[in-house]
Amino acid sequence: MLSRIADLLVPAVGRLSLTTDPSAELAPGSIIAANHTSLADPAVVIAALRRLGGEPVVMAAAGLWRVPVLGRALAREGHIPVVRGDRRAAAALDSAVDALERGRLVLIYAEGGLPHRRDAAETPPGPFRSGLSRLVERTRAPLVPVGQAGARRVTSGRAVKQLAGLVTAPVRRPALHVHVGAPLELTGDHAARTAGARAAVTTAWRTAVTHLGDAARRA
């Protein structure tokens, strides 16, 4: 249901385009790592993945489960709440391992938060937390790097600005772009796996930014 909703809502607030590496593949049991720049970008990424036939389980901030209706839908569909800085975060990792073993795609935002800047400019991926590396260590699942650009033009900055951006987005319809990279196997120790994942997501993000610029010029 979440994928279907994103597929309906995203075209209403922006112009979504999608590119992939030639060998990109959403194989069952893959980890999808995407850059996180806006509250809107999970919907953008989910809508793009649905075009490729992928409907991922999402690891997201546990606070979303307290939102009426949305929280019940997230729980019903098996999405994974993450409690930062709490021992319950280990339970989220266990749930992600279980989902991958059942052949589900798991979408993770390894930065663990949004950039602090208030403008709508694009910003590269920040430092990755250790959860992604630990998930790879436990499952040996392939990593699919995803870069998105444009979501900050829907919502960014403080709460009032975010609300204003969301309200006016259907009129402005900003360009949005998602690029899906080729899957890779992360090797080495925790630091090496984390660095490799961040480098791959950053490369995908740069590709998305390039296509977003082209789309903006055409518009």
Protein backbone atom coordinates (compact mmCIF):
# COMPACT_ATOMS: atom_id res chain seq x y z
CA MET A 1 0.00 0.00 0.00
CA LEU A 2 2.81 2.42 0.86
CA SER A 3 4.33 1.94 -2.60
CA ARG A 4 0.98 2.49 -4.28
CA ILE A 5 0.35 5.66 -2.29
CA ALA A 6 3.80 7.02 -3.16
CA ASP A 7 3.19 6.16 -6.80
CA LEU A 8 0.02 8.27 -6.72
CA LEU A 9 1.25 11.19 -4.61
CA VAL A 10 4.71 11.86 -6.04
CA PRO A 11 3.51 12.76 -9.58
CA ALA A 12 1.12 15.24 -7.96
CA VAL A 13 3.91 17.19 -6.26
CA GLY A 14 6.73 16.93 -8.80
CA ARG A 15 8.05 15.59 -12.10
CA LEU A 16 9.80 12.33 -11.33
CA SER A 17 12.37 10.84 -13.69
CA LEU A 18 14.43 7.68 -13.25
CA THR A 19 17.70 6.30 -14.57
CA THR A 20 19.63 3.12 -13.81
CA ASP A 21 23.10 1.77 -14.34
CA PRO A 22 23.19 -0.82 -17.17
CA SER A 23 23.62 -3.67 -14.70
CA ALA A 24 21.25 -2.34 -12.03
CA GLU A 25 19.07 -5.04 -10.48
CA LEU A 26 16.65 -5.27 -7.57
CA ALA A 27 17.33 -8.90 -6.70
CA PRO A 28 15.27 -10.38 -3.86
CA GLY A 29 17.01 -10.02 -0.53
CA SER A 30 18.93 -6.86 -1.49
CA ILE A 31 19.71 -3.88 0.74
CA ILE A 32 18.85 -0.55 -0.86
CA ALA A 33 20.80 2.41 0.53
CA ALA A 34 19.65 5.91 -0.45
CA ASN A 35 20.79 9.42 0.45
CA HIS A 36 18.49 11.29 2.83
CA THR A 37 17.94 15.01 2.30
CA SER A 38 14.24 15.68 2.91
CA LEU A 39 11.15 14.31 4.59
CA ALA A 40 9.79 13.89 1.07
CA ASP A 41 12.55 11.72 -0.35
CA PRO A 42 11.34 8.33 0.99
CA ALA A 43 8.17 8.73 -1.07
CA VAL A 44 10.21 9.79 -4.10
CA VAL A 45 12.53 6.78 -3.83
CA ILE A 46 9.68 4.32 -3.17
CA ALA A 47 7.75 5.63 -6.20
CA ALA A 48 10.85 5.24 -8.39
CA LEU A 49 11.55 1.71 -7.15
CA ARG A 50 7.97 0.70 -7.86
CA ARG A 51 8.56 1.58 -11.51
CA LEU A 52 11.27 -1.09 -11.46
CA GLY A 53 9.00 -3.63 -9.78
CA GLY A 54 10.45 -3.17 -6.29
CA GLU A 55 8.36 -2.62 -3.15
CA PRO A 56 10.80 -2.36 -0.24
CA VAL A 57 10.44 -2.70 3.48
CA VAL A 58 11.55 0.67 4.88
CA MET A 59 13.65 1.24 7.99
CA ALA A 60 12.37 4.56 9.34
CA ALA A 61 12.27 6.69 12.48
CA ALA A 62 10.04 5.09 15.09
CA GLY A 63 8.13 8.35 15.59
CA LEU A 64 6.26 7.71 12.35
CA TRP A 65 4.53 4.76 13.99
CA ARG A 66 2.81 7.24 16.35
CA VAL A 67 1.12 9.04 13.45
CA PRO A 68 -2.56 8.01 13.24
CA VAL A 69 -3.45 5.79 10.25
CA LEU A 70 0.13 5.92 8.91
CA GLY A 71 1.50 4.11 11.96
CA ARG A 72 -1.02 1.29 11.64
CA ALA A 73 -0.28 0.95 7.92
CA LEU A 74 3.47 0.81 8.53
CA ALA A 75 3.06 -1.87 11.18
CA ARG A 76 0.64 -3.91 9.07
CA GLU A 77 2.97 -3.93 6.08
CA GLY A 78 6.05 -4.96 8.04
CA HIS A 79 8.07 -1.77 7.81
CA ILE A 80 10.74 -1.44 10.46
CA PRO A 81 10.76 1.25 13.21
CA VAL A 82 14.21 2.41 14.28
CA VAL A 83 14.73 3.90 17.75
CA ARG A 84 17.96 5.89 17.62
CA GLY A 85 20.33 5.77 20.57
CA ASP A 86 18.37 2.99 22.26
CA ARG A 87 19.00 -0.71 22.76
CA ARG A 88 15.78 -1.31 20.82
CA ALA A 89 17.74 -0.35 17.70
CA ALA A 90 19.11 -3.91 17.79
CA ALA A 91 15.55 -5.21 17.33
CA ALA A 92 15.28 -3.15 14.14
CA LEU A 93 18.40 -4.82 12.80
CA ASP A 94 16.96 -8.24 13.65
CA SER A 95 13.76 -7.35 11.77
CA ALA A 96 15.77 -6.21 8.76
CA VAL A 97 17.74 -9.47 8.75
CA ASP A 98 14.49 -11.43 8.85
CA ALA A 99 13.02 -9.42 5.96
CA LEU A 100 16.12 -9.96 3.82
CA GLU A 101 16.11 -13.69 4.55
CA ARG A 102 12.50 -13.79 3.34
CA GLY A 103 13.57 -12.21 0.07
CA ARG A 104 12.29 -8.71 0.73
CA LEU A 105 14.09 -5.55 -0.33
CA VAL A 106 15.10 -3.40 2.65
CA LEU A 107 15.48 0.36 2.19
CA ILE A 108 17.86 1.93 4.69
CA TYR A 109 18.93 5.54 5.24
CA ALA A 110 22.40 5.04 6.65
CA GLU A 111 22.96 8.73 7.45
CA GLY A 112 20.38 8.41 10.21
CA GLY A 113 19.04 11.94 9.82
CA LEU A 114 18.57 14.99 7.62
CA PRO A 115 21.12 17.72 6.78
CA HIS A 116 20.97 20.81 8.97
CA ARG A 117 20.95 23.37 6.18
CA ARG A 118 17.77 25.40 5.73
CA ASP A 119 17.82 26.19 2.02
CA ALA A 120 16.60 23.89 -0.75
CA ALA A 121 20.03 23.28 -2.28
CA GLU A 122 21.26 19.75 -2.87
CA THR A 123 23.69 18.36 -0.34
CA PRO A 124 25.90 15.26 -0.60
CA PRO A 125 25.42 12.27 1.69
CA GLY A 126 26.72 12.83 5.20
CA PRO A 127 28.59 10.29 7.35
CA PHE A 128 27.02 6.84 7.49
CA ARG A 129 26.17 5.14 10.77
CA SER A 130 27.22 1.58 11.50
CA GLY A 131 23.83 -0.11 11.03
CA LEU A 132 24.26 -0.71 7.31
CA SER A 133 27.67 -2.34 7.77
CA ARG A 134 26.33 -4.57 10.54
CA LEU A 135 23.38 -5.60 8.37
CA VAL A 136 25.74 -6.58 5.56
CA GLU A 137 27.95 -8.47 8.01
CA ARG A 138 25.01 -10.56 9.22
CA THR A 139 23.41 -11.26 5.85
CA ARG A 140 26.06 -10.80 3.12
CA ALA A 141 23.25 -9.23 1.12
CA PRO A 142 24.14 -7.20 -1.98
CA LEU A 143 23.90 -3.42 -1.71
CA VAL A 144 22.00 -1.39 -4.29
CA PRO A 145 23.06 2.29 -4.08
CA VAL A 146 20.37 4.85 -4.86
CA GLY A 147 20.77 8.59 -5.31
CA GLN A 148 17.89 11.04 -5.34
CA ALA A 149 17.85 14.76 -6.03
CA GLY A 150 15.09 17.33 -5.98
CA ALA A 151 13.16 16.28 -2.88
CA ARG A 152 14.51 19.31 -1.01
CA ARG A 153 12.55 21.44 -3.47
CA VAL A 154 9.40 19.82 -2.10
CA THR A 155 10.21 20.08 1.61
CA SER A 156 13.27 21.44 3.41
CA GLY A 157 14.20 23.80 6.23
CA ARG A 158 12.14 24.57 9.30
CA ALA A 159 8.63 23.23 9.91
CA VAL A 160 6.79 26.27 8.50
CA LYS A 161 8.89 26.25 5.35
CA GLN A 162 8.40 22.52 4.94
CA LEU A 163 4.63 22.87 5.18
CA ALA A 164 4.65 25.77 2.71
CA GLY A 165 6.79 23.76 0.31
CA LEU A 166 4.45 20.79 0.47
CA VAL A 167 1.37 22.96 -0.08
CA THR A 168 2.84 24.78 -3.09
CA ALA A 169 4.59 21.80 -4.67
CA PRO A 170 1.55 20.74 -6.77
CA VAL A 171 1.68 24.17 -8.40
CA ARG A 172 5.47 24.39 -8.75
CA ARG A 173 5.93 20.70 -9.61
CA PRO A 174 9.72 20.65 -9.12
CA ALA A 175 11.89 18.20 -11.04
CA LEU A 176 12.78 15.07 -9.09
CA HIS A 177 15.28 12.44 -10.17
CA VAL A 178 16.29 9.02 -8.83
CA HIS A 179 19.27 7.02 -10.05
CA VAL A 180 19.66 3.33 -9.19
CA GLY A 181 23.23 2.03 -9.28
CA ALA A 182 24.54 -1.46 -9.94
CA PRO A 183 24.55 -3.83 -6.93
CA LEU A 184 27.84 -4.40 -5.16
CA GLU A 185 29.24 -6.63 -2.46
CA LEU A 186 30.74 -4.79 0.50
CA THR A 187 33.88 -6.38 1.91
CA GLY A 188 36.47 -5.59 4.55
CA ASP A 189 35.95 -4.43 8.12
CA HIS A 190 33.18 -2.12 9.39
CA ALA A 191 35.02 1.04 8.33
CA ALA A 192 35.73 -0.29 4.84
CA ARG A 193 32.14 -1.45 4.29
CA THR A 194 30.76 1.86 5.53
CA ALA A 195 33.13 3.86 3.33
CA GLY A 196 32.32 1.71 0.30
CA ALA A 197 28.58 2.13 0.80
CA ARG A 198 28.84 5.89 1.23
CA ALA A 199 31.03 6.22 -1.87
CA ALA A 200 28.55 4.23 -3.98
CA VAL A 201 25.53 6.23 -2.75
CA THR A 202 27.43 9.49 -3.32
CA THR A 203 28.19 8.44 -6.91
CA ALA A 204 24.50 7.64 -7.48
CA TRP A 205 23.52 10.99 -5.92
CA ARG A 206 25.90 12.88 -8.22
CA THR A 207 24.33 11.15 -11.22
CA ALA A 208 20.87 12.13 -9.98
CA VAL A 209 21.95 15.76 -9.55
CA THR A 210 23.31 15.82 -13.11
CA HIS A 211 20.03 14.54 -14.52
CA LEU A 212 18.06 16.91 -12.34
CA GLY A 213 19.99 19.83 -13.83
CA ASP A 214 19.22 18.65 -17.35
CA ALA A 215 15.54 18.27 -16.50
CA ALA A 216 15.43 21.76 -15.02
CA ARG A 217 16.99 23.28 -18.13
CA ARG A 218 14.50 21.47 -20.37
CA ALA A 219 11.66 22.78 -18.21
